[in-house]
Amino acid sequence: VQLQACGGGLVQSGGSLRLSCAASGRTFSTYVMGWFRQAPGKEREFVAAITRNGGSTYYADFAKGRFSISRDNAKNTVYLQTNSLKPEDTAVYSCAAGRSSFYARPAEYNIWGQGTLVTVSS
């Protein structure tokens, strides 16, 4: 599986963006999918994850109520809807695929996309 993220851009505070991550290959549905972000000078941090069939989702505290992760296994794509964006959400957002149940740990994901930059202006 290879991953390609897109959908980032410049948005004003309070705005929304929908990030997409398209996967190649025929095994997408066998992977847990996660979104992570990394701001300049900061560690990579967990944003959200979704199980193989989309039945369960997990969010970092800062993402609860504002972000929503979903997937379409028929389209080999995972999405991250980001709403009520704040300047502190500015970061490179990356999607990742893994098979572990430790959803929030970057080390548990073995396939990463290249990331898409989200910039939120105040």
N, C-alpha and C. Protein backbone atom coordinates (compact mmCIF):
# COMPACT_ATOMS: atom_id res chain seq x y z
N VAL A 1 0.84 -1.19 0.00
CA VAL A 1 0.00 0.00 0.00
C VAL A 1 0.87 1.24 0.00
N GLN A 2 0.53 2.20 -0.85
CA GLN A 2 1.16 3.53 -0.83
C GLN A 2 0.07 4.56 -0.57
N LEU A 3 0.43 5.62 0.13
CA LEU A 3 -0.55 6.61 0.56
C LEU A 3 -0.23 7.98 -0.02
N GLN A 4 -1.26 8.70 -0.41
CA GLN A 4 -1.11 10.05 -0.97
C GLN A 4 -2.15 10.95 -0.32
N ALA A 5 -1.68 11.89 0.48
CA ALA A 5 -2.59 12.81 1.16
C ALA A 5 -2.72 14.11 0.38
N CYS A 6 -3.89 14.71 0.48
CA CYS A 6 -4.12 16.01 -0.16
C CYS A 6 -5.25 16.72 0.57
N GLY A 7 -5.47 17.96 0.19
CA GLY A 7 -6.57 18.72 0.76
C GLY A 7 -6.17 19.83 1.70
N GLY A 8 -4.89 19.92 2.00
CA GLY A 8 -4.43 20.99 2.86
C GLY A 8 -4.49 22.33 2.15
N GLY A 9 -4.20 23.38 2.90
CA GLY A 9 -4.21 24.71 2.32
C GLY A 9 -4.22 25.77 3.40
N LEU A 10 -4.47 27.00 2.97
CA LEU A 10 -4.55 28.14 3.88
C LEU A 10 -6.02 28.45 4.15
N VAL A 11 -6.35 28.54 5.42
CA VAL A 11 -7.73 28.81 5.81
C VAL A 11 -7.73 29.77 6.99
N GLN A 12 -8.78 30.56 7.09
CA GLN A 12 -8.89 31.47 8.23
C GLN A 12 -9.36 30.73 9.47
N SER A 13 -9.06 31.29 10.60
CA SER A 13 -9.51 30.73 11.86
C SER A 13 -11.03 30.56 11.83
N GLY A 14 -11.50 29.40 12.27
CA GLY A 14 -12.91 29.08 12.23
C GLY A 14 -13.34 28.35 10.98
N GLY A 15 -12.45 28.26 10.01
CA GLY A 15 -12.77 27.61 8.76
C GLY A 15 -12.65 26.09 8.82
N SER A 16 -12.85 25.48 7.66
CA SER A 16 -12.84 24.02 7.56
C SER A 16 -12.03 23.57 6.36
N LEU A 17 -11.49 22.38 6.48
CA LEU A 17 -10.83 21.71 5.38
C LEU A 17 -11.15 20.23 5.45
N ARG A 18 -11.22 19.59 4.29
CA ARG A 18 -11.39 18.15 4.24
C ARG A 18 -10.13 17.54 3.63
N LEU A 19 -9.42 16.81 4.44
CA LEU A 19 -8.22 16.14 3.98
C LEU A 19 -8.58 14.75 3.47
N SER A 20 -7.90 14.33 2.43
CA SER A 20 -8.11 13.00 1.87
C SER A 20 -6.78 12.28 1.79
N CYS A 21 -6.85 10.98 1.89
CA CYS A 21 -5.65 10.15 1.77
C CYS A 21 -6.04 8.94 0.92
N ALA A 22 -5.52 8.90 -0.28
CA ALA A 22 -5.83 7.80 -1.20
C ALA A 22 -4.74 6.74 -1.14
N ALA A 23 -5.17 5.50 -1.12
CA ALA A 23 -4.23 4.38 -1.03
C ALA A 23 -4.24 3.57 -2.32
N SER A 24 -3.07 3.14 -2.70
CA SER A 24 -2.97 2.23 -3.83
C SER A 24 -3.00 0.80 -3.30
N GLY A 25 -3.18 -0.15 -4.17
CA GLY A 25 -3.16 -1.54 -3.74
C GLY A 25 -4.53 -2.06 -3.37
N ARG A 26 -4.58 -3.35 -3.09
CA ARG A 26 -5.86 -4.01 -2.86
C ARG A 26 -6.07 -4.43 -1.42
N THR A 27 -5.20 -3.95 -0.51
CA THR A 27 -5.31 -4.39 0.87
C THR A 27 -5.70 -3.26 1.82
N PHE A 28 -6.18 -2.17 1.28
CA PHE A 28 -6.50 -0.99 2.11
C PHE A 28 -7.42 -1.36 3.26
N SER A 29 -8.40 -2.18 3.00
CA SER A 29 -9.40 -2.50 4.03
C SER A 29 -8.84 -3.34 5.17
N THR A 30 -7.64 -3.83 5.02
CA THR A 30 -7.04 -4.64 6.08
C THR A 30 -6.23 -3.79 7.06
N TYR A 31 -6.16 -2.49 6.81
CA TYR A 31 -5.35 -1.60 7.64
C TYR A 31 -6.20 -0.69 8.51
N VAL A 32 -5.75 -0.51 9.73
CA VAL A 32 -6.19 0.61 10.54
C VAL A 32 -5.57 1.86 9.94
N MET A 33 -6.34 2.92 9.85
CA MET A 33 -5.83 4.16 9.28
C MET A 33 -5.82 5.26 10.33
N GLY A 34 -4.73 6.02 10.32
CA GLY A 34 -4.60 7.10 11.28
C GLY A 34 -4.18 8.39 10.60
N TRP A 35 -4.49 9.50 11.26
CA TRP A 35 -3.99 10.82 10.87
C TRP A 35 -3.14 11.34 12.03
N PHE A 36 -2.01 11.88 11.65
CA PHE A 36 -1.11 12.51 12.60
C PHE A 36 -0.76 13.89 12.08
N ARG A 37 -0.22 14.72 12.96
CA ARG A 37 0.21 16.04 12.50
C ARG A 37 1.51 16.41 13.19
N GLN A 38 2.26 17.28 12.53
CA GLN A 38 3.51 17.76 13.10
C GLN A 38 3.66 19.24 12.78
N ALA A 39 3.69 20.03 13.82
CA ALA A 39 3.90 21.47 13.68
C ALA A 39 5.40 21.76 13.74
N PRO A 40 5.82 22.88 13.18
CA PRO A 40 7.25 23.22 13.20
C PRO A 40 7.82 23.22 14.60
N GLY A 41 8.90 22.49 14.79
CA GLY A 41 9.57 22.46 16.07
C GLY A 41 8.90 21.59 17.12
N LYS A 42 7.87 20.86 16.72
CA LYS A 42 7.15 20.02 17.68
C LYS A 42 7.19 18.56 17.27
N GLU A 43 6.87 17.71 18.21
CA GLU A 43 6.80 16.28 17.94
C GLU A 43 5.55 15.96 17.12
N ARG A 44 5.64 14.87 16.40
CA ARG A 44 4.46 14.37 15.70
C ARG A 44 3.42 13.95 16.72
N GLU A 45 2.16 14.27 16.49
CA GLU A 45 1.13 13.91 17.44
C GLU A 45 -0.07 13.27 16.75
N PHE A 46 -0.70 12.40 17.47
CA PHE A 46 -1.88 11.68 17.00
C PHE A 46 -3.05 12.64 16.87
N VAL A 47 -3.82 12.44 15.79
CA VAL A 47 -5.03 13.24 15.59
C VAL A 47 -6.27 12.35 15.68
N ALA A 48 -6.31 11.30 14.85
CA ALA A 48 -7.49 10.44 14.80
C ALA A 48 -7.13 9.12 14.15
N ALA A 49 -7.94 8.10 14.43
CA ALA A 49 -7.75 6.79 13.81
C ALA A 49 -9.11 6.15 13.59
N ILE A 50 -9.12 5.21 12.64
CA ILE A 50 -10.36 4.52 12.32
C ILE A 50 -10.03 3.05 12.06
N THR A 51 -10.89 2.17 12.54
CA THR A 51 -10.66 0.76 12.38
C THR A 51 -10.93 0.29 10.94
N ARG A 52 -10.62 -0.95 10.67
CA ARG A 52 -10.63 -1.48 9.31
C ARG A 52 -11.97 -1.31 8.60
N ASN A 53 -13.05 -1.59 9.32
CA ASN A 53 -14.37 -1.48 8.69
C ASN A 53 -15.05 -0.14 8.97
N GLY A 54 -14.33 0.74 9.63
CA GLY A 54 -14.88 2.06 9.96
C GLY A 54 -15.83 2.05 11.14
N GLY A 55 -15.92 0.93 11.83
CA GLY A 55 -16.88 0.82 12.91
C GLY A 55 -16.53 1.58 14.17
N SER A 56 -15.23 1.85 14.35
CA SER A 56 -14.80 2.58 15.54
C SER A 56 -13.81 3.67 15.14
N THR A 57 -13.94 4.79 15.83
CA THR A 57 -13.03 5.91 15.60
C THR A 57 -12.46 6.39 16.92
N TYR A 58 -11.29 6.99 16.85
CA TYR A 58 -10.58 7.45 18.03
C TYR A 58 -10.00 8.83 17.74
N TYR A 59 -10.03 9.70 18.74
CA TYR A 59 -9.59 11.07 18.54
C TYR A 59 -8.70 11.53 19.68
N ALA A 60 -7.76 12.38 19.33
CA ALA A 60 -7.03 13.12 20.36
C ALA A 60 -8.01 14.11 21.00
N ASP A 61 -7.72 14.50 22.22
CA ASP A 61 -8.63 15.39 22.93
C ASP A 61 -8.87 16.68 22.15
N PHE A 62 -7.83 17.23 21.53
CA PHE A 62 -8.00 18.50 20.83
C PHE A 62 -8.88 18.35 19.59
N ALA A 63 -9.02 17.12 19.09
CA ALA A 63 -9.78 16.88 17.87
C ALA A 63 -11.26 16.56 18.13
N LYS A 64 -11.56 16.15 19.33
CA LYS A 64 -12.93 15.75 19.64
C LYS A 64 -13.90 16.92 19.46
N GLY A 65 -14.96 16.66 18.72
CA GLY A 65 -15.96 17.68 18.49
C GLY A 65 -15.67 18.62 17.34
N ARG A 66 -14.43 18.60 16.83
CA ARG A 66 -14.08 19.48 15.71
C ARG A 66 -13.65 18.70 14.47
N PHE A 67 -13.01 17.57 14.66
CA PHE A 67 -12.52 16.77 13.54
C PHE A 67 -13.32 15.48 13.45
N SER A 68 -13.38 14.94 12.22
CA SER A 68 -14.09 13.69 12.01
C SER A 68 -13.35 12.84 10.98
N ILE A 69 -13.03 11.62 11.36
CA ILE A 69 -12.34 10.71 10.45
C ILE A 69 -13.35 9.72 9.88
N SER A 70 -13.18 9.41 8.61
CA SER A 70 -14.05 8.43 7.97
C SER A 70 -13.25 7.73 6.87
N ARG A 71 -13.80 6.65 6.36
CA ARG A 71 -13.12 5.95 5.28
C ARG A 71 -14.13 5.35 4.32
N ASP A 72 -13.68 5.18 3.10
CA ASP A 72 -14.48 4.52 2.06
C ASP A 72 -13.59 3.42 1.48
N ASN A 73 -13.81 2.21 1.92
CA ASN A 73 -12.96 1.11 1.48
C ASN A 73 -13.13 0.81 -0.01
N ALA A 74 -14.27 1.13 -0.56
CA ALA A 74 -14.49 0.91 -2.00
C ALA A 74 -13.63 1.87 -2.82
N LYS A 75 -13.31 3.03 -2.24
CA LYS A 75 -12.50 4.02 -2.93
C LYS A 75 -11.07 4.05 -2.41
N ASN A 76 -10.75 3.16 -1.47
CA ASN A 76 -9.39 3.13 -0.90
C ASN A 76 -8.98 4.50 -0.37
N THR A 77 -9.88 5.16 0.33
CA THR A 77 -9.61 6.52 0.77
C THR A 77 -10.05 6.72 2.22
N VAL A 78 -9.24 7.44 2.96
CA VAL A 78 -9.60 7.86 4.30
C VAL A 78 -9.65 9.39 4.31
N TYR A 79 -10.57 9.93 5.08
CA TYR A 79 -10.80 11.36 5.12
C TYR A 79 -10.61 11.90 6.54
N LEU A 80 -10.28 13.16 6.61
CA LEU A 80 -10.28 13.87 7.88
C LEU A 80 -10.97 15.21 7.65
N GLN A 81 -12.17 15.32 8.17
CA GLN A 81 -12.89 16.59 8.11
C GLN A 81 -12.47 17.43 9.31
N THR A 82 -11.93 18.61 9.04
CA THR A 82 -11.48 19.48 10.12
C THR A 82 -12.34 20.74 10.12
N ASN A 83 -12.98 21.01 11.24
CA ASN A 83 -13.86 22.17 11.39
C ASN A 83 -13.38 23.06 12.54
N SER A 84 -13.88 24.28 12.55
CA SER A 84 -13.54 25.23 13.61
C SER A 84 -12.03 25.30 13.82
N LEU A 85 -11.32 25.42 12.74
CA LEU A 85 -9.86 25.40 12.81
C LEU A 85 -9.31 26.60 13.55
N LYS A 86 -8.21 26.35 14.25
CA LYS A 86 -7.54 27.37 15.05
C LYS A 86 -6.10 27.52 14.55
N PRO A 87 -5.48 28.65 14.81
CA PRO A 87 -4.08 28.81 14.39
C PRO A 87 -3.18 27.70 14.93
N GLU A 88 -3.47 27.19 16.10
CA GLU A 88 -2.64 26.12 16.67
C GLU A 88 -2.83 24.78 15.96
N ASP A 89 -3.78 24.70 15.05
CA ASP A 89 -3.93 23.49 14.23
C ASP A 89 -2.98 23.49 13.03
N THR A 90 -2.27 24.58 12.84
CA THR A 90 -1.31 24.65 11.73
C THR A 90 -0.24 23.58 11.87
N ALA A 91 -0.11 22.75 10.83
CA ALA A 91 0.82 21.62 10.87
C ALA A 91 0.79 20.89 9.53
N VAL A 92 1.74 20.00 9.37
CA VAL A 92 1.67 19.05 8.27
C VAL A 92 0.90 17.84 8.76
N TYR A 93 -0.16 17.51 8.06
CA TYR A 93 -1.02 16.39 8.43
C TYR A 93 -0.67 15.19 7.53
N SER A 94 -0.43 14.07 8.16
CA SER A 94 -0.04 12.87 7.43
C SER A 94 -0.98 11.72 7.76
N CYS A 95 -1.24 10.90 6.77
CA CYS A 95 -2.01 9.69 7.01
C CYS A 95 -1.06 8.51 7.12
N ALA A 96 -1.51 7.49 7.81
CA ALA A 96 -0.67 6.33 8.04
C ALA A 96 -1.53 5.08 8.11
N ALA A 97 -0.93 3.95 7.77
CA ALA A 97 -1.62 2.67 7.79
C ALA A 97 -0.87 1.70 8.69
N GLY A 98 -1.62 0.95 9.46
CA GLY A 98 -1.00 -0.02 10.35
C GLY A 98 -1.96 -1.13 10.69
N ARG A 99 -1.46 -2.08 11.49
CA ARG A 99 -2.31 -3.22 11.88
C ARG A 99 -2.36 -3.42 13.38
N SER A 100 -1.92 -2.40 14.12
CA SER A 100 -1.91 -2.50 15.58
C SER A 100 -3.16 -1.90 16.18
N SER A 101 -3.44 -2.31 17.40
CA SER A 101 -4.58 -1.72 18.11
C SER A 101 -4.16 -0.52 18.94
N PHE A 102 -2.86 -0.19 18.93
CA PHE A 102 -2.37 0.98 19.66
C PHE A 102 -2.44 2.18 18.72
N TYR A 103 -3.61 2.69 18.54
CA TYR A 103 -3.90 3.63 17.47
C TYR A 103 -3.16 4.95 17.56
N ALA A 104 -2.83 5.37 18.75
CA ALA A 104 -2.24 6.69 18.93
C ALA A 104 -0.71 6.70 18.83
N ARG A 105 -0.11 5.58 18.66
CA ARG A 105 1.34 5.50 18.63
C ARG A 105 1.88 5.52 17.20
N PRO A 106 2.61 6.53 16.82
CA PRO A 106 3.16 6.58 15.46
C PRO A 106 3.97 5.33 15.11
N ALA A 107 4.68 4.79 16.08
CA ALA A 107 5.54 3.63 15.80
C ALA A 107 4.75 2.39 15.40
N GLU A 108 3.44 2.39 15.67
CA GLU A 108 2.62 1.22 15.34
C GLU A 108 2.15 1.24 13.89
N TYR A 109 2.44 2.34 13.18
CA TYR A 109 2.06 2.45 11.78
C TYR A 109 3.29 2.25 10.91
N ASN A 110 3.20 1.39 9.93
CA ASN A 110 4.38 1.08 9.13
C ASN A 110 4.35 1.67 7.72
N ILE A 111 3.24 2.31 7.35
CA ILE A 111 3.15 2.93 6.03
C ILE A 111 2.67 4.37 6.22
N TRP A 112 3.41 5.31 5.64
CA TRP A 112 3.09 6.73 5.81
C TRP A 112 2.97 7.42 4.46
N GLY A 113 2.04 8.37 4.40
CA GLY A 113 1.94 9.25 3.25
C GLY A 113 2.88 10.44 3.43
N GLN A 114 2.95 11.29 2.43
CA GLN A 114 3.93 12.38 2.45
C GLN A 114 3.48 13.60 3.24
N GLY A 115 2.22 13.71 3.57
CA GLY A 115 1.72 14.83 4.35
C GLY A 115 1.19 15.96 3.50
N THR A 116 0.26 16.70 4.08
CA THR A 116 -0.30 17.87 3.42
C THR A 116 -0.35 19.01 4.45
N LEU A 117 0.04 20.20 4.04
CA LEU A 117 0.19 21.31 4.96
C LEU A 117 -1.13 22.04 5.16
N VAL A 118 -1.49 22.20 6.42
CA VAL A 118 -2.65 23.00 6.80
C VAL A 118 -2.15 24.23 7.53
N THR A 119 -2.52 25.40 7.04
CA THR A 119 -2.13 26.65 7.67
C THR A 119 -3.39 27.42 8.02
N VAL A 120 -3.52 27.76 9.30
CA VAL A 120 -4.69 28.48 9.78
C VAL A 120 -4.26 29.87 10.21
N SER A 121 -4.82 30.86 9.57
CA SER A 121 -4.47 32.24 9.90
C SER A 121 -5.46 32.81 10.91
N SER A 122 -4.95 33.70 11.74
CA SER A 122 -5.80 34.29 12.78
C SER A 122 -6.54 35.53 12.28
